Each structure stands twice: as structure tokens, then as C-alpha cells.
Amino acid sequence: MTNEELQKLVECISLTFFKQPFVHQAIFNPRLKTTGGRYHLKTHNLDFNPKIVVVFGKDELIGVIKHELCHYHLHLQGLGYKHQDKDFKQLLKQVGGSRYVKNVNQKQPKYTYQCTGCQQVIYRQRRFNVSKYICSKCRHSFKEIPF
């Protein structure tokens, strides 16, 4: 999806769900890492994380667009536009926007260990010495399971 297609999508969603035009700029910002989108208070422009479309698809992007448009329209009307404000929560629920975006940078575990006693499986990003640690449930040792 290009920035022009994003701009048209944001304008269309704004008219459809908010009954008001979006007259500022909406772009993809590849520097966004942990957030789905951002509303700029001074310029009233919107930035969106391009990974949202790639990882989760267009439906998740539409939820993020609705969320950022809630900030946009409420701020321009002089109402409560922050996450904790009642106006924001009501409008977000009314238009069906997403409250939180799914984690884009979620890492898959590199190592899997299984308890030799109770067969509990644990996942870790870092390797650990199985002779030094024991299971907290049954006090047996662990063995590493290859993927």
C-alpha cells in the first residue's frame, strides 16, 4: 500500500464513520516500531506503522486508522482527545476502532525446555544451563527440546 492509497483510505474512513472530512496528511512512517500510529497535535497529520499492513493485514490497519482519527477529530473539536478521556473512549467504541494494536515485534522463542518430572514446557530467548536449574513445580531437572 502506498502513501496515496493510505491518504484516500483515511479520508474515506473519516467521512464514513465520523461524518467529517480529513483535510491533513496521512503517511506511513517506517521509524515507528512499537506503535500502530501517531497523531501530531501541532500539524494534525497522522503517521502509521507500515508493518501493521504487512504483518496483520488491512483490517487491523483500519482499526488503527479509526483510533488515530478519534484523536484527530476530538482535538479539532476541543473535546477530550487523550486515551483516558471519556469522550475518546465513547467515540472509539462508537466507531469500532482498536484500543491497542497487536505487537508487531513479538519475538519467537529460540529455546524450548521440558521438565523431566511433570513435563512442563517453558520457552526462553536465552539458553540456560540445565544442570543449574530445576523445575519450580516438581523440583526435577530440565532437558532442552530441539525445534
N, C-alpha and C. Protein backbone atom coordinates (compact mmCIF):
# COMPACT_ATOMS: atom_id res chain seq x y z
N MET A 1 0.85 -1.18 0.00
CA MET A 1 0.00 0.00 0.00
C MET A 1 0.89 1.24 0.00
N THR A 2 0.58 2.20 -0.84
CA THR A 2 1.37 3.43 -0.94
C THR A 2 0.77 4.52 -0.03
N ASN A 3 1.52 5.61 0.08
CA ASN A 3 1.04 6.73 0.90
C ASN A 3 -0.22 7.36 0.30
N GLU A 4 -0.33 7.37 -1.03
CA GLU A 4 -1.52 7.93 -1.68
C GLU A 4 -2.75 7.07 -1.39
N GLU A 5 -2.57 5.75 -1.43
CA GLU A 5 -3.68 4.85 -1.11
C GLU A 5 -4.09 4.98 0.36
N LEU A 6 -3.09 5.16 1.22
CA LEU A 6 -3.37 5.37 2.65
C LEU A 6 -4.15 6.66 2.86
N GLN A 7 -3.74 7.72 2.18
CA GLN A 7 -4.41 9.01 2.30
C GLN A 7 -5.89 8.88 1.90
N LYS A 8 -6.16 8.21 0.79
CA LYS A 8 -7.54 8.01 0.34
C LYS A 8 -8.34 7.16 1.31
N LEU A 9 -7.69 6.13 1.86
CA LEU A 9 -8.37 5.27 2.82
C LEU A 9 -8.74 6.04 4.09
N VAL A 10 -7.83 6.86 4.59
CA VAL A 10 -8.10 7.66 5.79
C VAL A 10 -9.23 8.65 5.52
N GLU A 11 -9.20 9.31 4.37
CA GLU A 11 -10.27 10.26 4.02
C GLU A 11 -11.62 9.56 3.93
N CYS A 12 -11.63 8.37 3.34
CA CYS A 12 -12.88 7.61 3.19
C CYS A 12 -13.42 7.17 4.56
N ILE A 13 -12.55 6.66 5.42
CA ILE A 13 -12.97 6.23 6.76
C ILE A 13 -13.48 7.42 7.57
N SER A 14 -12.82 8.56 7.42
CA SER A 14 -13.23 9.76 8.15
C SER A 14 -14.64 10.19 7.76
N LEU A 15 -14.93 10.18 6.47
CA LEU A 15 -16.26 10.57 6.01
C LEU A 15 -17.31 9.53 6.38
N THR A 16 -16.95 8.25 6.29
CA THR A 16 -17.91 7.18 6.55
C THR A 16 -18.28 7.08 8.02
N PHE A 17 -17.30 7.03 8.89
CA PHE A 17 -17.55 6.77 10.31
C PHE A 17 -17.69 8.02 11.16
N PHE A 18 -17.02 9.12 10.77
CA PHE A 18 -17.02 10.33 11.58
C PHE A 18 -17.88 11.44 10.99
N LYS A 19 -18.31 11.26 9.74
CA LYS A 19 -19.14 12.25 9.03
C LYS A 19 -18.46 13.62 8.94
N GLN A 20 -17.13 13.62 8.95
CA GLN A 20 -16.34 14.84 8.84
C GLN A 20 -15.15 14.55 7.94
N PRO A 21 -14.69 15.55 7.17
CA PRO A 21 -13.56 15.30 6.27
C PRO A 21 -12.22 15.31 7.01
N PHE A 22 -11.29 14.56 6.48
CA PHE A 22 -9.90 14.60 6.95
C PHE A 22 -9.13 15.44 5.95
N VAL A 23 -8.64 16.59 6.36
CA VAL A 23 -8.03 17.54 5.41
C VAL A 23 -6.52 17.69 5.61
N HIS A 24 -5.92 16.80 6.38
CA HIS A 24 -4.48 16.87 6.59
C HIS A 24 -3.79 15.68 5.95
N GLN A 25 -2.55 15.43 6.29
CA GLN A 25 -1.76 14.41 5.60
C GLN A 25 -1.65 13.15 6.45
N ALA A 26 -1.77 12.00 5.81
CA ALA A 26 -1.57 10.70 6.43
C ALA A 26 -0.49 9.96 5.65
N ILE A 27 0.54 9.49 6.35
CA ILE A 27 1.66 8.80 5.68
C ILE A 27 2.09 7.59 6.49
N PHE A 28 2.83 6.69 5.84
CA PHE A 28 3.49 5.59 6.51
C PHE A 28 4.82 6.10 7.03
N ASN A 29 5.13 5.77 8.28
CA ASN A 29 6.39 6.18 8.89
C ASN A 29 7.13 4.91 9.33
N PRO A 30 8.16 4.50 8.59
CA PRO A 30 8.86 3.26 8.93
C PRO A 30 9.65 3.34 10.23
N ARG A 31 9.80 4.54 10.79
CA ARG A 31 10.53 4.67 12.06
C ARG A 31 9.68 4.28 13.26
N LEU A 32 8.36 4.14 13.08
CA LEU A 32 7.51 3.69 14.18
C LEU A 32 7.76 2.21 14.41
N LYS A 33 8.12 1.85 15.62
CA LYS A 33 8.47 0.46 15.92
C LYS A 33 7.48 -0.21 16.86
N THR A 34 7.04 0.51 17.90
CA THR A 34 6.21 -0.13 18.93
C THR A 34 4.77 0.35 18.92
N THR A 35 4.42 1.26 18.04
CA THR A 35 3.08 1.80 17.99
C THR A 35 2.49 1.61 16.61
N GLY A 36 1.17 1.59 16.55
CA GLY A 36 0.50 1.41 15.26
C GLY A 36 0.35 2.71 14.49
N GLY A 37 0.19 3.81 15.20
CA GLY A 37 0.01 5.10 14.56
C GLY A 37 0.26 6.23 15.53
N ARG A 38 0.31 7.44 14.98
CA ARG A 38 0.58 8.62 15.80
C ARG A 38 -0.17 9.81 15.23
N TYR A 39 -0.77 10.60 16.14
CA TYR A 39 -1.43 11.84 15.77
C TYR A 39 -0.56 13.00 16.25
N HIS A 40 -0.23 13.92 15.35
CA HIS A 40 0.60 15.08 15.69
C HIS A 40 -0.31 16.25 16.06
N LEU A 41 -0.18 16.73 17.31
CA LEU A 41 -1.05 17.80 17.81
C LEU A 41 -0.85 19.12 17.08
N LYS A 42 0.39 19.44 16.70
CA LYS A 42 0.66 20.75 16.08
C LYS A 42 0.28 20.79 14.61
N THR A 43 0.61 19.74 13.87
CA THR A 43 0.35 19.75 12.43
C THR A 43 -0.95 19.04 12.05
N HIS A 44 -1.50 18.25 12.97
CA HIS A 44 -2.72 17.46 12.76
C HIS A 44 -2.53 16.35 11.71
N ASN A 45 -1.30 15.99 11.42
CA ASN A 45 -1.02 14.90 10.49
C ASN A 45 -1.02 13.57 11.23
N LEU A 46 -1.18 12.50 10.47
CA LEU A 46 -1.19 11.15 11.03
C LEU A 46 -0.05 10.34 10.43
N ASP A 47 0.63 9.57 11.28
CA ASP A 47 1.66 8.62 10.84
C ASP A 47 1.18 7.22 11.18
N PHE A 48 1.51 6.26 10.33
CA PHE A 48 1.13 4.88 10.58
C PHE A 48 2.32 3.96 10.36
N ASN A 49 2.37 2.90 11.14
CA ASN A 49 3.42 1.91 11.04
C ASN A 49 3.14 1.01 9.83
N PRO A 50 4.05 0.95 8.85
CA PRO A 50 3.79 0.11 7.67
C PRO A 50 3.78 -1.38 7.97
N LYS A 51 4.38 -1.80 9.08
CA LYS A 51 4.40 -3.22 9.42
C LYS A 51 3.01 -3.74 9.77
N ILE A 52 2.11 -2.85 10.18
CA ILE A 52 0.76 -3.29 10.54
C ILE A 52 0.08 -3.97 9.35
N VAL A 53 0.22 -3.38 8.17
CA VAL A 53 -0.40 -3.95 6.97
C VAL A 53 0.27 -5.25 6.59
N VAL A 54 1.59 -5.29 6.66
CA VAL A 54 2.34 -6.47 6.24
C VAL A 54 2.08 -7.66 7.17
N VAL A 55 2.12 -7.42 8.47
CA VAL A 55 2.01 -8.50 9.45
C VAL A 55 0.56 -8.91 9.70
N PHE A 56 -0.35 -7.93 9.87
CA PHE A 56 -1.71 -8.25 10.30
C PHE A 56 -2.79 -8.01 9.25
N GLY A 57 -2.49 -7.25 8.21
CA GLY A 57 -3.46 -7.04 7.15
C GLY A 57 -4.21 -5.72 7.25
N LYS A 58 -5.09 -5.50 6.29
CA LYS A 58 -5.80 -4.23 6.16
C LYS A 58 -6.83 -4.00 7.26
N ASP A 59 -7.44 -5.06 7.78
CA ASP A 59 -8.45 -4.90 8.83
C ASP A 59 -7.85 -4.29 10.10
N GLU A 60 -6.67 -4.74 10.48
CA GLU A 60 -6.01 -4.18 11.66
C GLU A 60 -5.62 -2.73 11.42
N LEU A 61 -5.18 -2.42 10.19
CA LEU A 61 -4.83 -1.04 9.84
C LEU A 61 -6.06 -0.13 9.96
N ILE A 62 -7.21 -0.61 9.54
CA ILE A 62 -8.43 0.19 9.62
C ILE A 62 -8.77 0.48 11.08
N GLY A 63 -8.57 -0.48 11.97
CA GLY A 63 -8.79 -0.25 13.40
C GLY A 63 -7.86 0.82 13.95
N VAL A 64 -6.60 0.82 13.50
CA VAL A 64 -5.63 1.83 13.94
C VAL A 64 -5.99 3.20 13.37
N ILE A 65 -6.44 3.22 12.12
CA ILE A 65 -6.85 4.49 11.49
C ILE A 65 -8.01 5.10 12.27
N LYS A 66 -9.00 4.29 12.64
CA LYS A 66 -10.13 4.80 13.42
C LYS A 66 -9.67 5.35 14.75
N HIS A 67 -8.72 4.68 15.37
CA HIS A 67 -8.18 5.14 16.66
C HIS A 67 -7.53 6.51 16.51
N GLU A 68 -6.68 6.68 15.50
CA GLU A 68 -6.00 7.96 15.31
C GLU A 68 -6.96 9.05 14.86
N LEU A 69 -7.98 8.69 14.10
CA LEU A 69 -8.98 9.69 13.70
C LEU A 69 -9.82 10.15 14.90
N CYS A 70 -9.98 9.29 15.89
CA CYS A 70 -10.67 9.74 17.12
C CYS A 70 -9.86 10.85 17.78
N HIS A 71 -8.54 10.65 17.88
CA HIS A 71 -7.68 11.71 18.42
C HIS A 71 -7.83 12.98 17.58
N TYR A 72 -7.78 12.83 16.28
CA TYR A 72 -7.80 13.95 15.34
C TYR A 72 -9.09 14.77 15.48
N HIS A 73 -10.23 14.13 15.35
CA HIS A 73 -11.50 14.86 15.34
C HIS A 73 -11.82 15.45 16.72
N LEU A 74 -11.54 14.72 17.78
CA LEU A 74 -11.81 15.25 19.12
C LEU A 74 -10.92 16.45 19.44
N HIS A 75 -9.67 16.38 19.03
CA HIS A 75 -8.76 17.51 19.29
C HIS A 75 -9.21 18.75 18.53
N LEU A 76 -9.62 18.59 17.28
CA LEU A 76 -10.06 19.74 16.48
C LEU A 76 -11.38 20.32 17.02
N GLN A 77 -12.19 19.50 17.67
CA GLN A 77 -13.45 19.98 18.24
C GLN A 77 -13.26 20.55 19.65
N GLY A 78 -12.07 20.40 20.21
CA GLY A 78 -11.82 20.92 21.54
C GLY A 78 -12.33 20.01 22.65
N LEU A 79 -12.55 18.75 22.34
CA LEU A 79 -13.03 17.79 23.34
C LEU A 79 -11.86 16.96 23.86
N GLY A 80 -12.13 16.06 24.78
CA GLY A 80 -11.09 15.22 25.36
C GLY A 80 -10.56 14.21 24.36
N TYR A 81 -9.33 14.39 23.91
CA TYR A 81 -8.75 13.54 22.86
C TYR A 81 -7.74 12.54 23.40
N LYS A 82 -7.43 12.57 24.69
CA LYS A 82 -6.44 11.66 25.26
C LYS A 82 -7.06 10.31 25.57
N HIS A 83 -6.20 9.29 25.71
CA HIS A 83 -6.68 7.93 25.92
C HIS A 83 -7.56 7.80 27.16
N GLN A 84 -7.27 8.54 28.21
CA GLN A 84 -8.04 8.39 29.44
C GLN A 84 -9.33 9.20 29.47
N ASP A 85 -9.55 10.05 28.48
CA ASP A 85 -10.74 10.91 28.47
C ASP A 85 -12.00 10.12 28.10
N LYS A 86 -13.10 10.51 28.70
CA LYS A 86 -14.39 9.85 28.47
C LYS A 86 -14.85 10.02 27.02
N ASP A 87 -14.65 11.24 26.46
CA ASP A 87 -15.05 11.49 25.07
C ASP A 87 -14.33 10.55 24.11
N PHE A 88 -13.05 10.36 24.36
CA PHE A 88 -12.25 9.50 23.47
C PHE A 88 -12.74 8.06 23.55
N LYS A 89 -12.96 7.57 24.75
CA LYS A 89 -13.40 6.18 24.91
C LYS A 89 -14.77 5.94 24.28
N GLN A 90 -15.67 6.91 24.43
CA GLN A 90 -17.00 6.76 23.84
C GLN A 90 -16.95 6.76 22.32
N LEU A 91 -16.20 7.70 21.74
CA LEU A 91 -16.12 7.77 20.28
C LEU A 91 -15.43 6.55 19.70
N LEU A 92 -14.38 6.07 20.36
CA LEU A 92 -13.67 4.89 19.88
C LEU A 92 -14.58 3.67 19.88
N LYS A 93 -15.39 3.54 20.92
CA LYS A 93 -16.34 2.42 20.98
C LYS A 93 -17.43 2.57 19.92
N GLN A 94 -17.85 3.80 19.68
CA GLN A 94 -18.92 4.08 18.71
C GLN A 94 -18.50 3.72 17.29
N VAL A 95 -17.26 4.06 16.91
CA VAL A 95 -16.81 3.81 15.54
C VAL A 95 -16.17 2.43 15.38
N GLY A 96 -15.90 1.75 16.49
CA GLY A 96 -15.33 0.40 16.41
C GLY A 96 -13.85 0.37 16.15
N GLY A 97 -13.13 1.34 16.66
CA GLY A 97 -11.68 1.37 16.50
C GLY A 97 -11.00 0.47 17.50
N SER A 98 -9.73 0.18 17.25
CA SER A 98 -8.98 -0.69 18.16
C SER A 98 -8.36 0.13 19.28
N ARG A 99 -8.46 -0.37 20.48
CA ARG A 99 -7.90 0.31 21.65
C ARG A 99 -6.38 0.13 21.67
N TYR A 100 -5.92 -1.08 21.38
CA TYR A 100 -4.50 -1.40 21.34
C TYR A 100 -4.19 -2.11 20.03
N VAL A 101 -2.99 -1.91 19.55
CA VAL A 101 -2.57 -2.62 18.34
C VAL A 101 -1.82 -3.87 18.78
N LYS A 102 -1.92 -4.92 17.98
CA LYS A 102 -1.19 -6.14 18.28
C LYS A 102 0.31 -5.88 18.20
N ASN A 103 1.08 -6.66 18.93
CA ASN A 103 2.52 -6.47 18.97
C ASN A 103 3.16 -6.90 17.65
N VAL A 104 3.78 -5.94 16.97
CA VAL A 104 4.39 -6.20 15.67
C VAL A 104 5.74 -6.89 15.83
N ASN A 105 6.47 -6.55 16.87
CA ASN A 105 7.84 -7.03 17.04
C ASN A 105 7.94 -8.22 17.99
N GLN A 106 6.90 -9.00 18.08
CA GLN A 106 6.91 -10.13 19.00
C GLN A 106 7.91 -11.18 18.51
N LYS A 107 8.84 -11.54 19.39
CA LYS A 107 9.87 -12.50 19.03
C LYS A 107 9.39 -13.92 19.30
N GLN A 108 9.79 -14.82 18.44
CA GLN A 108 9.52 -16.22 18.66
C GLN A 108 10.60 -16.76 19.59
N PRO A 109 10.24 -17.65 20.51
CA PRO A 109 11.25 -18.18 21.43
C PRO A 109 12.29 -19.00 20.67
N LYS A 110 13.54 -18.88 21.11
CA LYS A 110 14.63 -19.60 20.45
C LYS A 110 14.86 -20.97 21.06
N TYR A 111 14.59 -21.09 22.36
CA TYR A 111 14.90 -22.33 23.06
C TYR A 111 13.67 -22.84 23.79
N THR A 112 13.51 -24.16 23.77
CA THR A 112 12.41 -24.81 24.44
C THR A 112 12.98 -25.86 25.40
N TYR A 113 12.47 -25.84 26.63
CA TYR A 113 12.91 -26.78 27.65
C TYR A 113 11.69 -27.50 28.21
N GLN A 114 11.91 -28.77 28.61
CA GLN A 114 10.83 -29.55 29.20
C GLN A 114 11.32 -30.16 30.50
N CYS A 115 10.46 -30.11 31.50
CA CYS A 115 10.77 -30.72 32.79
C CYS A 115 10.73 -32.24 32.64
N THR A 116 11.70 -32.93 33.26
CA THR A 116 11.74 -34.39 33.17
C THR A 116 10.72 -35.05 34.09
N GLY A 117 10.20 -34.29 35.06
CA GLY A 117 9.22 -34.85 36.01
C GLY A 117 7.79 -34.60 35.58
N CYS A 118 7.37 -33.32 35.60
CA CYS A 118 5.95 -33.00 35.33
C CYS A 118 5.69 -32.68 33.85
N GLN A 119 6.69 -32.69 33.02
CA GLN A 119 6.58 -32.48 31.57
C GLN A 119 6.16 -31.06 31.20
N GLN A 120 6.31 -30.10 32.13
CA GLN A 120 6.00 -28.71 31.85
C GLN A 120 6.99 -28.19 30.80
N VAL A 121 6.48 -27.45 29.80
CA VAL A 121 7.31 -26.88 28.74
C VAL A 121 7.46 -25.39 28.99
N ILE A 122 8.71 -24.90 28.90
CA ILE A 122 8.97 -23.47 29.03
C ILE A 122 9.75 -23.00 27.81
N TYR A 123 9.54 -21.75 27.46
CA TYR A 123 10.17 -21.15 26.29
C TYR A 123 11.07 -20.01 26.75
N ARG A 124 12.25 -19.89 26.17
CA ARG A 124 13.20 -18.85 26.54
C ARG A 124 13.87 -18.26 25.31
N GLN A 125 14.24 -16.98 25.44
CA GLN A 125 15.01 -16.32 24.39
C GLN A 125 16.50 -16.64 24.53
N ARG A 126 16.92 -16.84 25.77
CA ARG A 126 18.33 -17.15 26.04
C ARG A 126 18.46 -18.59 26.54
N ARG A 127 19.57 -19.18 26.18
CA ARG A 127 19.86 -20.53 26.62
C ARG A 127 20.27 -20.50 28.09
N PHE A 128 19.91 -21.54 28.85
CA PHE A 128 20.39 -21.63 30.22
C PHE A 128 20.94 -23.02 30.49
N ASN A 129 21.78 -23.12 31.53
CA ASN A 129 22.43 -24.36 31.90
C ASN A 129 21.43 -25.25 32.63
N VAL A 130 21.07 -26.37 32.01
CA VAL A 130 20.02 -27.23 32.57
C VAL A 130 20.48 -27.94 33.84
N SER A 131 21.78 -28.03 34.10
CA SER A 131 22.26 -28.68 35.32
C SER A 131 22.19 -27.74 36.53
N LYS A 132 22.01 -26.44 36.30
CA LYS A 132 21.97 -25.47 37.40
C LYS A 132 20.55 -25.17 37.88
N TYR A 133 19.54 -25.40 37.05
CA TYR A 133 18.17 -25.00 37.39
C TYR A 133 17.25 -26.21 37.46
N ILE A 134 16.23 -26.08 38.34
CA ILE A 134 15.25 -27.14 38.49
C ILE A 134 13.84 -26.56 38.32
N CYS A 135 12.90 -27.42 38.11
CA CYS A 135 11.50 -27.03 37.93
C CYS A 135 10.94 -26.53 39.26
N SER A 136 10.21 -25.43 39.21
CA SER A 136 9.63 -24.86 40.44
C SER A 136 8.42 -25.64 40.92
N LYS A 137 7.82 -26.45 40.05
CA LYS A 137 6.64 -27.22 40.44
C LYS A 137 6.99 -28.55 41.11
N CYS A 138 7.93 -29.29 40.48
CA CYS A 138 8.18 -30.64 40.98
C CYS A 138 9.64 -30.91 41.37
N ARG A 139 10.51 -29.93 41.21
CA ARG A 139 11.91 -30.00 41.62
C ARG A 139 12.75 -30.97 40.79
N HIS A 140 12.29 -31.32 39.58
CA HIS A 140 13.08 -32.16 38.69
C HIS A 140 13.90 -31.25 37.75
N SER A 141 14.80 -31.85 37.01
CA SER A 141 15.66 -31.08 36.10
C SER A 141 14.98 -30.87 34.75
N PHE A 142 15.60 -30.04 33.93
CA PHE A 142 15.09 -29.74 32.59
C PHE A 142 15.93 -30.44 31.53
N LYS A 143 15.32 -30.63 30.38
CA LYS A 143 16.07 -31.07 29.20
C LYS A 143 15.68 -30.14 28.06
N GLU A 144 16.64 -29.85 27.19
CA GLU A 144 16.38 -28.97 26.05
C GLU A 144 15.73 -29.76 24.93
N ILE A 145 14.70 -29.18 24.32
CA ILE A 145 13.99 -29.82 23.22
C ILE A 145 14.35 -29.07 21.95
N PRO A 146 14.92 -29.72 20.94
CA PRO A 146 15.24 -29.00 19.70
C PRO A 146 13.96 -28.71 18.90
N PHE A 147 13.99 -27.62 18.14
CA PHE A 147 12.84 -27.25 17.31
C PHE A 147 12.72 -28.13 16.12
